[in-house]
C-alpha cells in the first residue's frame, strides 16, 4: 500500500478574541486566524479533508478534520518516495 500524498494547506480557524468575560465596545475588526499545516491527505470529499501527521499501512497518527468552507488553499507537495538503498 502506497502512502497518501503529502499536502500543505492553509485554513481559517475560529478563535476567541477576548481573554475575559468583558471587552470594550469600541472597534470590531474581523481578522482571519489562518493556520498553515502539512500532512498526509487521508480523505478529500465534497465536505472536507482529513489530514494525519504520520502514516503507516496499518495505523495513522492523530487526524485533523477540516471542512472545505474553512480551507483557503491546498498544495500537493508530492507522493512519498521510498528511501534509496545504500
Protein backbone atom coordinates (compact mmCIF):
# COMPACT_ATOMS: atom_id res chain seq x y z
CA UNK A 1 0.00 0.00 0.00
CA UNK A 2 1.41 3.37 -1.04
CA UNK A 3 1.32 6.35 1.32
CA UNK A 4 -1.23 9.06 0.54
CA UNK A 5 0.00 12.35 -0.92
CA UNK A 6 1.58 14.95 1.33
CA UNK A 7 -0.12 18.36 1.17
CA UNK A 8 0.36 21.84 2.57
CA UNK A 9 -2.91 23.54 3.50
CA UNK A 10 -3.95 26.94 4.76
CA UNK A 11 -7.24 27.02 6.62
CA UNK A 12 -9.16 29.55 8.67
CA UNK A 13 -9.89 28.60 12.26
CA UNK A 14 -12.42 30.12 14.63
CA UNK A 15 -10.94 31.86 17.64
CA UNK A 16 -11.87 33.57 20.87
CA UNK A 17 -10.97 37.26 20.69
CA UNK A 18 -11.23 38.30 24.32
CA UNK A 19 -9.32 36.96 27.31
CA UNK A 20 -12.05 37.78 29.83
CA UNK A 21 -15.85 37.94 30.05
CA UNK A 22 -15.97 41.67 29.20
CA UNK A 23 -14.43 43.81 26.44
CA UNK A 24 -14.62 47.44 25.42
CA UNK A 25 -17.46 48.05 23.00
CA UNK A 26 -15.37 50.07 20.58
CA UNK A 27 -13.77 48.70 17.44
CA UNK A 28 -14.86 45.37 15.97
CA UNK A 29 -12.44 44.49 13.18
CA UNK A 30 -12.54 40.99 11.70
CA UNK A 31 -9.06 39.47 11.39
CA UNK A 32 -8.83 35.92 9.97
CA UNK A 33 -6.98 33.37 12.09
CA UNK A 34 -5.07 31.42 9.41
CA UNK A 35 -3.41 28.09 10.16
CA UNK A 36 -0.66 26.58 7.96
CA UNK A 37 -0.43 22.79 8.16
CA UNK A 38 1.38 19.94 6.38
CA UNK A 39 0.20 16.34 6.48
CA UNK A 40 -0.83 13.15 4.72
CA UNK A 41 -4.12 13.63 2.85
CA UNK A 42 -6.20 10.66 4.04
CA UNK A 43 -9.55 11.85 2.65
CA UNK A 44 -10.80 14.61 0.33
CA UNK A 45 -14.58 14.80 -0.18
CA UNK A 46 -17.16 17.45 -1.09
CA UNK A 47 -17.49 18.19 2.63
CA UNK A 48 -13.88 18.39 3.77
CA UNK A 49 -10.46 16.85 4.17
CA UNK A 50 -8.75 14.66 6.75
CA UNK A 51 -5.02 15.04 7.42
CA UNK A 52 -2.64 12.96 9.52
CA UNK A 53 0.79 13.86 10.86
CA UNK A 54 2.18 10.37 10.26
CA UNK A 55 1.20 7.34 8.17
CA UNK A 56 1.81 3.58 8.29
CA UNK A 57 -0.09 0.93 6.27
CA UNK A 58 -1.79 -0.28 9.47
CA UNK A 59 -2.04 2.91 11.57
CA UNK A 60 -2.07 6.68 11.32
CA UNK A 61 -1.26 9.45 13.80
CA UNK A 62 -3.88 11.79 15.20
CA UNK A 63 -6.17 13.08 12.44
CA UNK A 64 -7.46 16.58 11.77
CA UNK A 65 -10.79 17.11 10.01
CA UNK A 66 -11.10 20.43 8.16
CA UNK A 67 -14.40 21.45 6.49
CA UNK A 68 -13.96 22.69 2.90
CA UNK A 69 -15.57 26.00 3.87
CA UNK A 70 -12.58 26.69 6.15
CA UNK A 71 -9.96 25.62 3.59
CA UNK A 72 -8.22 28.58 1.91
CA UNK A 73 -5.64 26.66 -0.16
CA UNK A 74 -4.13 23.22 -0.66
CA UNK A 75 -0.86 22.43 -2.44
CA UNK A 76 0.16 18.86 -3.19
CA UNK A 77 3.80 18.51 -2.19
CA UNK A 78 4.08 15.15 -3.89
CA UNK A 79 3.92 11.44 -3.29
CA UNK A 80 6.15 9.90 -0.66
CA UNK A 81 9.10 8.12 -2.26
CA UNK A 82 10.77 5.14 -0.61
CA UNK A 83 14.32 5.77 0.65
CA UNK A 84 17.18 4.77 -1.62
CA UNK A 85 19.15 1.72 -0.60
CA UNK A 86 22.75 2.38 0.43
